[in-house]
Amino acid sequence: MLDRKKIMLRTSWISVLGNAFLSLLKIIVGILSGSLAVLSDGLDSAADVVTSLIILITTPIVSRPPNSKYAYGQERAENVASTILSFVIFFMGCQMFVASINRIIHPDVAELPSMIAIWVTIISIIGKLLLALYQFQQGKRVDSSMLKANAVNMRNDVIISAGVLLGLGFTFILKLPILDPIIALLISLYIVYSAIGIFKDANVVLMDGMADISVYKKIIKAVEQVSGASNPHRIRSSQIGNMYNIVLDIEVDGNLPLTEAHHIAQRVEDSIKNSVENVYDIVVHIEPAGDNHCEEKYGINKDNLTV
């Protein structure tokens, strides 16, 4: 069985150390070479150190067991952290957008930076790419929205460094420094777009929504496979960390003894667990078949399922 907490902590520490090294390297080289682009890239990597520290702080909170205040545990702290990361990425993109517009409108005439700026940018691209792939792989392994969000952030850093490298290439080879802020402008728009995507994914969970609504189709099919159970309705599912909390109503023969009705409900639970991975808890409410129960404004059934 995977030790989710241990994997997340190890992955975060690797991110902190890797980004700290790349950040320090780019800041020093940016100052020595006279490259503002490399210096800015270094400051961006410094922001990645902060985001990785957020994950380190959040991971122990996510791993705390349920208590009287948090009956379902505190795993949604992971989605809160992903939301914070989205704001960090968003404002970083906005800052770059404003700086790029300012550079385009008011271009500065400066001396060419030294060639070491190109070499350190290449090193940064390789390092960031390896960190991003590792973060995403581990995030997918333990289904962590925080690690996957941080991987997206590092992927953006690879694009940023590639843009810096391209801008330096234009500056040295084509003698067209104006293309550098234009490339930075396009990169900033991409970063903002990525931040909005992370924010939307995290807040689906925080608002008790479902990113993968095909789960409802699996639940309905699982109920239909149980003899004696019918009309699954008012199905509600939400995510707690990487697991599903499922509540639903079913109909059974109203003349059945309570014990038999309970056994049917238990078989429904088992059938759903066999059909849906990562089930946290299931609550099955039993109703007499054909009973005219009041219509509810919430929940999913066959009629309003859109998958």
Protein backbone atom coordinates (compact mmCIF):
# COMPACT_ATOMS: atom_id res chain seq x y z
CA MET A 1 0.00 0.00 0.00
CA LEU A 2 1.28 3.45 -0.91
CA ASP A 3 2.37 5.72 1.93
CA ARG A 4 0.70 8.85 0.48
CA LYS A 5 2.04 11.23 3.12
CA LYS A 6 5.61 9.98 2.78
CA ILE A 7 5.55 10.24 -1.03
CA MET A 8 4.12 13.77 -0.94
CA LEU A 9 6.68 14.96 1.61
CA ARG A 10 9.61 13.44 -0.29
CA THR A 11 8.40 14.89 -3.59
CA SER A 12 7.95 18.33 -2.03
CA TRP A 13 11.42 18.35 -0.48
CA ILE A 14 12.96 17.41 -3.84
CA SER A 15 11.03 20.31 -5.36
CA VAL A 16 12.22 22.75 -2.68
CA LEU A 17 15.89 21.78 -3.01
CA GLY A 18 15.83 21.62 -6.83
CA ASN A 19 14.10 24.99 -7.22
CA ALA A 20 16.29 26.62 -4.57
CA PHE A 21 19.42 25.56 -6.47
CA LEU A 22 18.09 26.73 -9.87
CA SER A 23 16.79 29.98 -8.39
CA LEU A 24 20.11 30.86 -6.74
CA LEU A 25 22.03 29.94 -9.89
CA LYS A 26 19.85 32.12 -12.17
CA ILE A 27 19.79 35.10 -9.81
CA ILE A 28 23.61 35.11 -9.49
CA VAL A 29 24.16 34.61 -13.22
CA GLY A 30 21.46 37.17 -14.05
CA ILE A 31 23.26 39.79 -11.98
CA LEU A 32 26.73 38.91 -13.25
CA SER A 33 25.71 38.62 -16.93
CA GLY A 34 23.47 41.68 -16.93
CA SER A 35 20.46 39.69 -18.15
CA LEU A 36 17.18 40.96 -16.69
CA ALA A 37 15.33 38.02 -18.25
CA VAL A 38 17.48 35.44 -16.48
CA LEU A 39 17.23 37.39 -13.22
CA SER A 40 13.43 37.45 -13.51
CA ASP A 41 13.42 33.73 -14.28
CA GLY A 42 15.44 33.19 -11.10
CA LEU A 43 12.93 35.16 -9.03
CA ASP A 44 10.16 33.05 -10.57
CA SER A 45 11.97 29.90 -9.41
CA ALA A 46 12.17 31.45 -5.95
CA ALA A 47 8.36 31.62 -6.00
CA ASP A 48 8.34 27.87 -6.74
CA VAL A 49 10.25 27.29 -3.52
CA VAL A 50 7.43 29.06 -1.69
CA THR A 51 4.75 26.96 -3.39
CA SER A 52 6.59 23.75 -2.51
CA LEU A 53 6.83 24.91 1.10
CA ILE A 54 3.03 25.39 1.04
CA ILE A 55 2.70 21.73 0.06
CA LEU A 56 5.05 20.69 2.87
CA ILE A 57 2.92 22.60 5.37
CA THR A 58 -0.35 21.22 3.98
CA THR A 59 0.64 17.53 3.74
CA PRO A 60 0.60 16.86 7.54
CA ILE A 61 -2.81 18.61 7.76
CA VAL A 62 -4.21 16.38 5.00
CA SER A 63 -3.00 13.28 6.86
CA ARG A 64 -4.74 14.10 10.15
CA PRO A 65 -7.46 11.61 11.16
CA PRO A 66 -11.14 12.64 11.49
CA ASN A 67 -12.21 14.31 14.74
CA SER A 68 -15.31 15.92 16.25
CA LYS A 69 -14.70 19.15 14.32
CA TYR A 70 -13.74 17.55 11.00
CA ALA A 71 -15.77 14.35 10.83
CA TYR A 72 -14.51 13.57 7.31
CA GLY A 73 -10.91 14.44 8.09
CA GLN A 74 -9.02 17.39 6.63
CA GLU A 75 -8.02 16.09 3.21
CA ARG A 76 -9.69 18.99 1.45
CA ALA A 77 -6.87 21.17 2.73
CA GLU A 78 -5.12 19.83 -0.37
CA ASN A 79 -7.65 21.56 -2.61
CA VAL A 80 -7.35 24.75 -0.56
CA ALA A 81 -3.59 24.62 -1.14
CA SER A 82 -4.18 24.07 -4.88
CA THR A 83 -6.36 27.21 -4.89
CA ILE A 84 -3.57 29.19 -3.20
CA LEU A 85 -1.10 27.86 -5.79
CA SER A 86 -3.43 28.98 -8.58
CA PHE A 87 -3.39 32.54 -7.21
CA VAL A 88 0.44 32.49 -6.96
CA ILE A 89 0.66 31.35 -10.58
CA PHE A 90 -2.04 33.83 -11.70
CA PHE A 91 -0.40 36.89 -10.16
CA MET A 92 3.00 35.80 -11.45
CA GLY A 93 1.50 35.66 -14.95
CA CYS A 94 -0.18 39.06 -14.52
CA GLN A 95 3.07 40.61 -13.31
CA MET A 96 4.90 39.25 -16.34
CA PHE A 97 2.11 40.52 -18.62
CA VAL A 98 2.39 44.06 -17.24
CA ALA A 99 6.20 44.00 -17.42
CA SER A 100 6.08 42.75 -21.02
CA ILE A 101 3.63 45.46 -22.09
CA ASN A 102 5.78 48.09 -20.40
CA ARG A 103 8.93 46.81 -22.16
CA ILE A 104 7.17 46.82 -25.55
CA ILE A 105 5.85 50.37 -25.07
CA HIS A 106 9.07 51.70 -23.51
CA PRO A 107 11.95 49.62 -24.92
CA ASP A 108 15.31 50.12 -23.22
CA VAL A 109 18.55 50.19 -25.14
CA ALA A 110 20.96 47.95 -23.27
CA GLU A 111 24.16 46.06 -23.85
CA LEU A 112 23.95 42.42 -24.85
CA PRO A 113 24.17 40.05 -21.86
CA SER A 114 27.07 37.63 -21.71
CA MET A 115 26.82 34.11 -23.19
CA ILE A 116 26.70 32.52 -19.73
CA ALA A 117 23.07 33.64 -19.56
CA ILE A 118 22.23 31.23 -22.39
CA TRP A 119 24.00 28.29 -20.76
CA VAL A 120 22.34 28.75 -17.37
CA THR A 121 18.95 29.02 -19.10
CA ILE A 122 19.56 25.68 -20.85
CA ILE A 123 20.47 24.14 -17.49
CA SER A 124 17.29 25.61 -16.02
CA ILE A 125 15.12 24.13 -18.78
CA ILE A 126 16.55 20.64 -18.26
CA GLY A 127 16.30 20.87 -14.46
CA LYS A 128 12.75 22.25 -14.46
CA LEU A 129 11.58 19.66 -16.98
CA LEU A 130 12.90 16.81 -14.83
CA LEU A 131 11.27 18.32 -11.71
CA ALA A 132 7.94 18.84 -13.50
CA LEU A 133 7.86 15.27 -14.82
CA TYR A 134 8.73 13.89 -11.39
CA GLN A 135 6.10 16.04 -9.64
CA PHE A 136 3.38 15.03 -12.11
CA GLN A 137 4.31 11.35 -11.97
CA GLN A 138 4.19 11.30 -8.16
CA GLY A 139 1.03 13.45 -8.12
CA LYS A 140 -0.70 11.00 -10.44
CA ARG A 141 0.62 8.06 -8.41
CA VAL A 142 -1.04 9.27 -5.19
CA ASP A 143 -3.80 11.30 -6.93
CA SER A 144 -2.67 14.56 -5.35
CA SER A 145 -4.12 17.79 -6.79
CA MET A 146 -1.39 19.77 -4.99
CA LEU A 147 1.50 17.89 -6.61
CA LYS A 148 -0.17 17.96 -10.03
CA ALA A 149 -0.83 21.70 -9.68
CA ASN A 150 2.81 22.25 -8.74
CA ALA A 151 3.84 20.15 -11.76
CA VAL A 152 1.78 22.46 -13.98
CA ASN A 153 3.54 25.43 -12.38
CA MET A 154 6.95 23.89 -13.15
CA ARG A 155 5.84 23.07 -16.68
CA ASN A 156 5.05 26.75 -17.06
CA ASP A 157 8.56 27.51 -15.78
CA VAL A 158 10.01 25.33 -18.56
CA ILE A 159 8.02 27.40 -21.07
CA ILE A 160 9.20 30.60 -19.39
CA SER A 161 12.85 29.52 -19.52
CA ALA A 162 12.40 28.41 -23.14
CA GLY A 163 10.98 31.86 -23.91
CA VAL A 164 13.95 33.47 -22.17
CA LEU A 165 16.32 31.29 -24.20
CA LEU A 166 14.52 32.16 -27.43
CA GLY A 167 14.61 35.85 -26.53
CA LEU A 168 18.34 35.67 -25.83
CA GLY A 169 18.81 33.86 -29.15
CA PHE A 170 16.99 36.62 -31.01
CA THR A 171 19.05 39.20 -29.15
CA PHE A 172 22.41 37.56 -29.97
CA ILE A 173 21.75 36.18 -33.46
CA LEU A 174 18.96 38.14 -35.12
CA LYS A 175 19.58 41.43 -33.33
CA LEU A 176 15.83 41.78 -32.64
CA PRO A 177 15.51 42.45 -28.90
CA ILE A 178 11.88 43.61 -29.32
CA LEU A 179 10.86 39.96 -29.83
CA ASP A 180 11.95 39.14 -26.28
CA PRO A 181 9.10 41.06 -24.55
CA ILE A 182 6.62 39.84 -27.19
CA ILE A 183 7.49 36.22 -26.37
CA ALA A 184 7.24 37.05 -22.67
CA LEU A 185 3.78 38.51 -23.29
CA LEU A 186 2.57 35.28 -24.94
CA ILE A 187 4.05 33.22 -22.11
CA SER A 188 2.30 35.37 -19.50
CA LEU A 189 -1.08 34.76 -21.16
CA TYR A 190 -0.42 31.02 -21.12
CA ILE A 191 0.49 31.14 -17.42
CA VAL A 192 -2.71 33.01 -16.56
CA TYR A 193 -4.73 30.45 -18.54
CA SER A 194 -3.07 27.57 -16.63
CA ALA A 195 -3.75 29.27 -13.28
CA ILE A 196 -7.44 29.61 -14.11
CA GLY A 197 -7.56 25.89 -14.97
CA ILE A 198 -5.99 24.90 -11.63
CA PHE A 199 -8.40 27.21 -9.77
CA LYS A 200 -11.45 25.71 -11.51
CA ASP A 201 -10.36 22.10 -10.83
CA ALA A 202 -9.66 22.77 -7.14
CA ASN A 203 -12.91 24.62 -6.56
CA VAL A 204 -15.06 21.90 -8.12
CA VAL A 205 -14.07 19.75 -5.14
CA LEU A 206 -14.42 22.57 -2.59
CA MET A 207 -17.96 23.20 -3.85
CA ASP A 208 -18.85 19.48 -3.50
CA GLY A 209 -18.83 19.04 -7.25
CA MET A 210 -17.46 16.19 -9.34
CA ALA A 211 -14.74 16.58 -11.92
CA ASP A 212 -15.51 13.13 -13.34
CA ILE A 213 -19.31 12.91 -13.55
CA SER A 214 -19.10 9.47 -15.20
CA VAL A 215 -18.96 8.16 -11.62
CA TYR A 216 -22.74 8.62 -11.45
CA LYS A 217 -23.21 6.33 -14.44
CA LYS A 218 -21.11 3.67 -12.69
CA ILE A 219 -23.19 4.02 -9.51
CA ILE A 220 -26.49 3.61 -11.37
CA LYS A 221 -25.19 0.57 -13.25
CA ALA A 222 -23.90 -0.96 -10.01
CA VAL A 223 -27.32 -0.61 -8.34
CA GLU A 224 -29.09 -2.17 -11.33
CA GLN A 225 -26.91 -5.27 -10.96
CA VAL A 226 -28.32 -5.96 -7.47
CA SER A 227 -31.45 -8.10 -7.35
CA GLY A 228 -34.25 -6.43 -5.38
CA ALA A 229 -32.85 -2.88 -5.71
CA SER A 230 -34.35 -0.41 -8.18
CA ASN A 231 -34.68 3.25 -9.12
CA PRO A 232 -31.43 4.71 -7.79
CA HIS A 233 -32.10 8.43 -7.33
CA ARG A 234 -31.02 11.49 -5.34
CA ILE A 235 -27.44 10.32 -5.89
CA ARG A 236 -24.87 12.72 -4.41
CA SER A 237 -21.14 12.26 -4.63
CA SER A 238 -18.35 14.50 -3.45
CA GLN A 239 -14.60 14.14 -3.15
CA ILE A 240 -12.63 13.97 0.07
CA GLY A 241 -9.02 14.16 -0.99
CA ASN A 242 -8.70 11.52 -3.71
CA MET A 243 -11.71 9.48 -2.49
CA TYR A 244 -15.47 9.56 -3.14
CA ASN A 245 -18.20 10.07 -0.55
CA ILE A 246 -21.46 8.68 -1.99
CA VAL A 247 -25.06 9.09 -0.80
CA LEU A 248 -28.09 7.70 -2.66
CA ASP A 249 -31.68 6.50 -2.37
CA ILE A 250 -32.95 3.18 -3.72
CA GLU A 251 -36.35 1.47 -3.81
CA VAL A 252 -37.09 -2.05 -2.54
CA ASP A 253 -40.25 -4.08 -2.04
CA GLY A 254 -42.13 -2.40 0.80
CA ASN A 255 -43.31 -5.76 2.14
CA LEU A 256 -39.81 -7.08 2.77
CA PRO A 257 -38.63 -7.56 6.37
CA LEU A 258 -36.20 -4.90 7.59
CA THR A 259 -33.37 -7.43 7.74
CA GLU A 260 -33.79 -8.39 4.07
CA ALA A 261 -34.03 -4.75 2.99
CA HIS A 262 -30.80 -4.06 4.92
CA HIS A 263 -29.07 -6.96 3.13
CA ILE A 264 -30.10 -5.51 -0.23
CA ALA A 265 -28.66 -2.13 0.80
CA GLN A 266 -25.44 -3.87 1.84
CA ARG A 267 -25.20 -5.62 -1.54
CA VAL A 268 -25.70 -2.23 -3.22
CA GLU A 269 -22.77 -0.83 -1.24
CA ASP A 270 -20.58 -3.80 -2.21
CA SER A 271 -21.57 -3.48 -5.87
CA ILE A 272 -20.70 0.23 -5.93
CA LYS A 273 -17.33 -0.40 -4.24
CA ASN A 274 -16.56 -2.98 -6.93
CA SER A 275 -17.44 -0.50 -9.68
CA VAL A 276 -15.96 2.75 -8.32
CA GLU A 277 -12.37 3.03 -7.11
CA ASN A 278 -11.35 5.01 -4.02
CA VAL A 279 -14.67 4.98 -2.16
CA TYR A 280 -14.47 6.77 1.21
CA ASP A 281 -18.02 6.05 2.41
CA ILE A 282 -21.44 5.06 1.07
CA VAL A 283 -24.83 5.86 2.62
CA VAL A 284 -27.85 4.05 1.14
CA HIS A 285 -31.34 5.26 2.03
CA ILE A 286 -34.12 2.69 1.43
CA GLU A 287 -37.64 3.61 0.25
CA PRO A 288 -40.69 1.43 -0.50
CA ALA A 289 -41.05 0.80 -4.24
CA GLY A 290 -43.69 3.01 -5.83
CA ASP A 291 -43.88 5.37 -2.87
CA ASN A 292 -44.77 8.91 -3.94
CA HIS A 293 -41.84 10.65 -2.30
CA CYS A 294 -41.46 14.38 -2.70
CA GLU A 295 -39.32 15.61 -5.55
CA GLU A 296 -36.00 17.05 -4.42
CA LYS A 297 -34.10 19.80 -6.20
CA TYR A 298 -30.75 18.09 -5.65
CA GLY A 299 -29.20 14.76 -6.56
CA ILE A 300 -28.66 12.76 -9.74
CA ASN A 301 -30.86 10.11 -11.34
CA LYS A 302 -31.24 8.58 -14.81
CA ASP A 303 -33.41 11.44 -16.02
CA ASN A 304 -30.97 14.26 -15.27
CA LEU A 305 -27.72 12.38 -15.83
CA THR A 306 -25.69 14.05 -18.58
CA VAL A 307 -22.53 12.07 -19.23
